[in-house]
């Protein structure tokens, strides 16, 4: 009886330090429901500068639609765009990218028109910069919150 009590006490004492040293959790992510689809037609025009790879190197809202959510999605979509001509050739320049939303079909049509040729073909792409920044942030997070190394089991 006493041995069972001692075993229970020892097992309980061993479990407490493990629970106290729980690894840190990642920062909470925002979980929101998507906004309702608009009932009116929307149009947003975005100016996109491309580099020598056809990636977006710069974006600027030319004419906002008036709907903040739609404009946000249009800007981020334009930041990830790859533009080339019908033959697959890359054109370095500035493009007008239009996003037209039809409330009847809930489809957004994107059209691209060349405004001017020329620019910096060696400019870094926005998506590449965003991925590098996120990797840097993740490394900084990991350095500030190291995960404890597992203790070796003895046999």
C-alpha atoms as a PDB file:
ATOM      1  CA  UNK A   1       0.000   0.000   0.000  1.00  0.00           C
ATOM      2  CA  UNK A   2       2.774   2.401   0.933  1.00  0.00           C
ATOM      3  CA  UNK A   3       4.711   1.494  -2.217  1.00  0.00           C
ATOM      4  CA  UNK A   4       1.671   2.309  -4.361  1.00  0.00           C
ATOM      5  CA  UNK A   5       1.352   5.649  -2.591  1.00  0.00           C
ATOM      6  CA  UNK A   6       5.051   6.404  -3.118  1.00  0.00           C
ATOM      7  CA  UNK A   7       4.818   5.450  -6.789  1.00  0.00           C
ATOM      8  CA  UNK A   8       1.799   7.738  -7.238  1.00  0.00           C
ATOM      9  CA  UNK A   9       3.597  10.611  -5.499  1.00  0.00           C
ATOM     10  CA  UNK A  10       6.753  10.114  -7.583  1.00  0.00           C
ATOM     11  CA  UNK A  11       4.813   9.909 -10.838  1.00  0.00           C
ATOM     12  CA  UNK A  12       2.906  13.053  -9.895  1.00  0.00           C
ATOM     13  CA  UNK A  13       6.151  14.863  -9.032  1.00  0.00           C
ATOM     14  CA  UNK A  14       7.700  13.825 -12.332  1.00  0.00           C
ATOM     15  CA  UNK A  15       4.712  15.071 -14.289  1.00  0.00           C
ATOM     16  CA  UNK A  16       4.723  18.563 -12.740  1.00  0.00           C
ATOM     17  CA  UNK A  17       8.070  19.801 -14.124  1.00  0.00           C
ATOM     18  CA  UNK A  18       7.190  18.560 -17.607  1.00  0.00           C
ATOM     19  CA  UNK A  19       3.895  20.443 -17.558  1.00  0.00           C
ATOM     20  CA  UNK A  20       5.581  23.579 -16.201  1.00  0.00           C
ATOM     21  CA  UNK A  21       8.115  23.616 -19.048  1.00  0.00           C
ATOM     22  CA  UNK A  22       5.643  23.552 -21.924  1.00  0.00           C
ATOM     23  CA  UNK A  23       7.121  24.944 -25.141  1.00  0.00           C
ATOM     24  CA  UNK A  24       5.942  28.431 -26.131  1.00  0.00           C
ATOM     25  CA  UNK A  25       3.057  28.634 -28.533  1.00  0.00           C
ATOM     26  CA  UNK A  26       3.108  30.476 -31.823  1.00  0.00           C
ATOM     27  CA  UNK A  27       1.405  33.856 -31.972  1.00  0.00           C
ATOM     28  CA  UNK A  28      -2.335  33.591 -32.569  1.00  0.00           C
ATOM     29  CA  UNK A  29      -3.564  33.888 -36.127  1.00  0.00           C
ATOM     30  CA  UNK A  30      -6.569  35.970 -36.921  1.00  0.00           C
ATOM     31  CA  UNK A  31      -9.456  33.773 -37.915  1.00  0.00           C
ATOM     32  CA  UNK A  32     -12.264  35.803 -39.374  1.00  0.00           C
ATOM     33  CA  UNK A  33     -15.137  34.854 -41.556  1.00  0.00           C
ATOM     34  CA  UNK A  34     -14.923  36.133 -45.116  1.00  0.00           C
ATOM     35  CA  UNK A  35     -16.915  39.293 -45.797  1.00  0.00           C
ATOM     36  CA  UNK A  36     -20.213  38.918 -47.653  1.00  0.00           C
ATOM     37  CA  UNK A  37     -19.988  39.214 -51.422  1.00  0.00           C
ATOM     38  CA  UNK A  38     -20.949  42.690 -52.658  1.00  0.00           C
ATOM     39  CA  UNK A  39     -24.285  43.200 -54.394  1.00  0.00           C
ATOM     40  CA  UNK A  40     -22.976  45.919 -56.729  1.00  0.00           C
ATOM     41  CA  UNK A  41     -20.490  45.727 -59.616  1.00  0.00           C
ATOM     42  CA  UNK A  42     -16.971  46.790 -58.639  1.00  0.00           C
ATOM     43  CA  UNK A  43     -13.938  47.924 -60.613  1.00  0.00           C
ATOM     44  CA  UNK A  44     -10.418  48.564 -59.326  1.00  0.00           C
ATOM     45  CA  UNK A  45      -7.463  49.707 -61.455  1.00  0.00           C
ATOM     46  CA  UNK A  46      -3.908  49.006 -60.288  1.00  0.00           C
ATOM     47  CA  UNK A  47      -0.647  50.173 -61.878  1.00  0.00           C
ATOM     48  CA  UNK A  48       1.977  47.422 -61.891  1.00  0.00           C
ATOM     49  CA  UNK A  49       5.690  47.823 -62.680  1.00  0.00           C
ATOM     50  CA  UNK A  50       7.360  44.609 -63.845  1.00  0.00           C
ATOM     51  CA  UNK A  51      10.980  43.452 -63.740  1.00  0.00           C
ATOM     52  CA  UNK A  52      12.945  41.306 -66.187  1.00  0.00           C
ATOM     53  CA  UNK A  53      11.277  38.116 -64.918  1.00  0.00           C
ATOM     54  CA  UNK A  54       7.759  39.471 -65.484  1.00  0.00           C
ATOM     55  CA  UNK A  55       7.160  39.730 -61.744  1.00  0.00           C
ATOM     56  CA  UNK A  56       5.463  42.707 -60.132  1.00  0.00           C
ATOM     57  CA  UNK A  57       8.206  44.983 -58.805  1.00  0.00           C
ATOM     58  CA  UNK A  58       5.839  47.741 -57.695  1.00  0.00           C
ATOM     59  CA  UNK A  59       2.096  48.254 -57.383  1.00  0.00           C
ATOM     60  CA  UNK A  60       0.009  51.375 -56.892  1.00  0.00           C
ATOM     61  CA  UNK A  61      -3.757  51.763 -56.687  1.00  0.00           C
ATOM     62  CA  UNK A  62      -4.843  53.909 -59.638  1.00  0.00           C
ATOM     63  CA  UNK A  63      -8.627  53.952 -59.130  1.00  0.00           C
ATOM     64  CA  UNK A  64     -10.037  52.253 -56.022  1.00  0.00           C
ATOM     65  CA  UNK A  65     -13.457  50.633 -56.186  1.00  0.00           C
ATOM     66  CA  UNK A  66     -14.697  52.095 -52.907  1.00  0.00           C
ATOM     67  CA  UNK A  67     -14.944  48.637 -51.301  1.00  0.00           C
ATOM     68  CA  UNK A  68     -11.942  48.228 -48.969  1.00  0.00           C
ATOM     69  CA  UNK A  69     -11.995  44.422 -49.025  1.00  0.00           C
ATOM     70  CA  UNK A  70     -12.120  44.279 -52.833  1.00  0.00           C
ATOM     71  CA  UNK A  71      -9.321  46.863 -53.139  1.00  0.00           C
ATOM     72  CA  UNK A  72      -7.193  44.914 -50.639  1.00  0.00           C
ATOM     73  CA  UNK A  73      -7.592  41.685 -52.621  1.00  0.00           C
ATOM     74  CA  UNK A  74      -6.923  43.485 -55.926  1.00  0.00           C
ATOM     75  CA  UNK A  75      -3.684  45.047 -54.605  1.00  0.00           C
ATOM     76  CA  UNK A  76      -2.398  41.754 -53.207  1.00  0.00           C
ATOM     77  CA  UNK A  77      -3.334  39.876 -56.358  1.00  0.00           C
ATOM     78  CA  UNK A  78      -1.492  42.477 -58.442  1.00  0.00           C
ATOM     79  CA  UNK A  79       1.570  42.135 -56.179  1.00  0.00           C
ATOM     80  CA  UNK A  80       1.786  38.431 -57.105  1.00  0.00           C
ATOM     81  CA  UNK A  81       1.106  38.780 -60.829  1.00  0.00           C
ATOM     82  CA  UNK A  82       3.411  37.523 -63.588  1.00  0.00           C
ATOM     83  CA  UNK A  83       2.985  39.413 -66.861  1.00  0.00           C
ATOM     84  CA  UNK A  84       4.168  38.319 -70.308  1.00  0.00           C
ATOM     85  CA  UNK A  85       2.911  38.849 -73.865  1.00  0.00           C
ATOM     86  CA  UNK A  86       0.882  36.359 -75.916  1.00  0.00           C
ATOM     87  CA  UNK A  87       4.086  34.667 -77.137  1.00  0.00           C
ATOM     88  CA  UNK A  88       5.458  34.213 -73.618  1.00  0.00           C
ATOM     89  CA  UNK A  89       8.031  37.010 -73.935  1.00  0.00           C
ATOM     90  CA  UNK A  90       8.623  39.200 -70.886  1.00  0.00           C
ATOM     91  CA  UNK A  91       7.968  42.923 -71.293  1.00  0.00           C
ATOM     92  CA  UNK A  92       9.565  45.224 -68.716  1.00  0.00           C
ATOM     93  CA  UNK A  93       7.279  48.172 -68.144  1.00  0.00           C
ATOM     94  CA  UNK A  94       4.237  49.589 -66.432  1.00  0.00           C
ATOM     95  CA  UNK A  95       0.860  47.922 -66.858  1.00  0.00           C
ATOM     96  CA  UNK A  96      -2.702  48.892 -66.012  1.00  0.00           C
ATOM     97  CA  UNK A  97      -4.365  45.884 -64.383  1.00  0.00           C
ATOM     98  CA  UNK A  98      -8.148  46.153 -64.020  1.00  0.00           C
ATOM     99  CA  UNK A  99     -10.332  43.980 -61.802  1.00  0.00           C
ATOM    100  CA  UNK A 100     -14.056  43.883 -62.672  1.00  0.00           C
ATOM    101  CA  UNK A 101     -16.450  42.108 -60.299  1.00  0.00           C
ATOM    102  CA  UNK A 102     -19.850  40.915 -61.550  1.00  0.00           C
ATOM    103  CA  UNK A 103     -22.328  40.448 -58.661  1.00  0.00           C
ATOM    104  CA  UNK A 104     -24.601  38.178 -60.731  1.00  0.00           C
ATOM    105  CA  UNK A 105     -21.948  35.530 -61.397  1.00  0.00           C
ATOM    106  CA  UNK A 106     -19.605  36.402 -58.463  1.00  0.00           C
ATOM    107  CA  UNK A 107     -16.688  36.288 -60.911  1.00  0.00           C
ATOM    108  CA  UNK A 108     -13.885  38.844 -61.060  1.00  0.00           C
ATOM    109  CA  UNK A 109     -12.401  39.397 -64.511  1.00  0.00           C
ATOM    110  CA  UNK A 110      -8.818  40.666 -64.728  1.00  0.00           C
ATOM    111  CA  UNK A 111      -7.528  42.560 -67.765  1.00  0.00           C
ATOM    112  CA  UNK A 112      -4.001  43.814 -68.403  1.00  0.00           C
ATOM    113  CA  UNK A 113      -2.937  46.687 -70.683  1.00  0.00           C
ATOM    114  CA  UNK A 114       0.574  48.016 -71.326  1.00  0.00           C
ATOM    115  CA  UNK A 115       0.980  51.678 -70.345  1.00  0.00           C
ATOM    116  CA  UNK A 116       4.702  52.242 -70.977  1.00  0.00           C
ATOM    117  CA  UNK A 117       7.708  50.090 -71.824  1.00  0.00           C
ATOM    118  CA  UNK A 118      10.952  50.258 -69.896  1.00  0.00           C
ATOM    119  CA  UNK A 119      12.023  50.180 -66.292  1.00  0.00           C
ATOM    120  CA  UNK A 120      14.478  48.281 -64.134  1.00  0.00           C
ATOM    121  CA  UNK A 121      14.791  44.665 -65.304  1.00  0.00           C
ATOM    122  CA  UNK A 122      16.844  43.808 -62.188  1.00  0.00           C
ATOM    123  CA  UNK A 123      14.298  45.142 -59.671  1.00  0.00           C
ATOM    124  CA  UNK A 124      13.345  42.554 -57.050  1.00  0.00           C
ATOM    125  CA  UNK A 125       9.828  41.172 -57.231  1.00  0.00           C
ATOM    126  CA  UNK A 126       7.366  42.100 -54.497  1.00  0.00           C
ATOM    127  CA  UNK A 127       6.412  38.484 -53.784  1.00  0.00           C
ATOM    128  CA  UNK A 128      10.091  37.530 -53.422  1.00  0.00           C
ATOM    129  CA  UNK A 129      10.676  40.422 -51.005  1.00  0.00           C
ATOM    130  CA  UNK A 130       7.612  39.417 -48.981  1.00  0.00           C
ATOM    131  CA  UNK A 131       8.786  35.789 -48.741  1.00  0.00           C
ATOM    132  CA  UNK A 132      12.290  36.879 -47.638  1.00  0.00           C
ATOM    133  CA  UNK A 133      10.812  39.206 -45.016  1.00  0.00           C
ATOM    134  CA  UNK A 134       8.544  36.447 -43.701  1.00  0.00           C
ATOM    135  CA  UNK A 135      11.469  34.002 -43.528  1.00  0.00           C
ATOM    136  CA  UNK A 136      13.484  36.623 -41.619  1.00  0.00           C
ATOM    137  CA  UNK A 137      10.571  37.142 -39.196  1.00  0.00           C
ATOM    138  CA  UNK A 138      10.238  33.388 -38.664  1.00  0.00           C
ATOM    139  CA  UNK A 139      13.972  33.018 -37.952  1.00  0.00           C
ATOM    140  CA  UNK A 140      13.794  35.906 -35.467  1.00  0.00           C
ATOM    141  CA  UNK A 141      10.791  34.257 -33.782  1.00  0.00           C
ATOM    142  CA  UNK A 142      12.625  30.936 -33.565  1.00  0.00           C
ATOM    143  CA  UNK A 143      15.696  32.644 -32.066  1.00  0.00           C
ATOM    144  CA  UNK A 144      13.585  34.351 -29.382  1.00  0.00           C
ATOM    145  CA  UNK A 145      11.514  31.224 -28.658  1.00  0.00           C
ATOM    146  CA  UNK A 146      13.780  28.177 -28.963  1.00  0.00           C
ATOM    147  CA  UNK A 147      12.147  24.805 -28.669  1.00  0.00           C
ATOM    148  CA  UNK A 148      13.626  22.674 -25.897  1.00  0.00           C
ATOM    149  CA  UNK A 149      15.678  19.782 -27.163  1.00  0.00           C
ATOM    150  CA  UNK A 150      14.255  16.378 -26.325  1.00  0.00           C
ATOM    151  CA  UNK A 151      15.902  14.614 -23.434  1.00  0.00           C
ATOM    152  CA  UNK A 152      17.586  11.341 -24.383  1.00  0.00           C
ATOM    153  CA  UNK A 153      15.914   8.256 -23.041  1.00  0.00           C
ATOM    154  CA  UNK A 154      18.028   5.888 -21.026  1.00  0.00           C
ATOM    155  CA  UNK A 155      17.772   2.171 -21.534  1.00  0.00           C
END
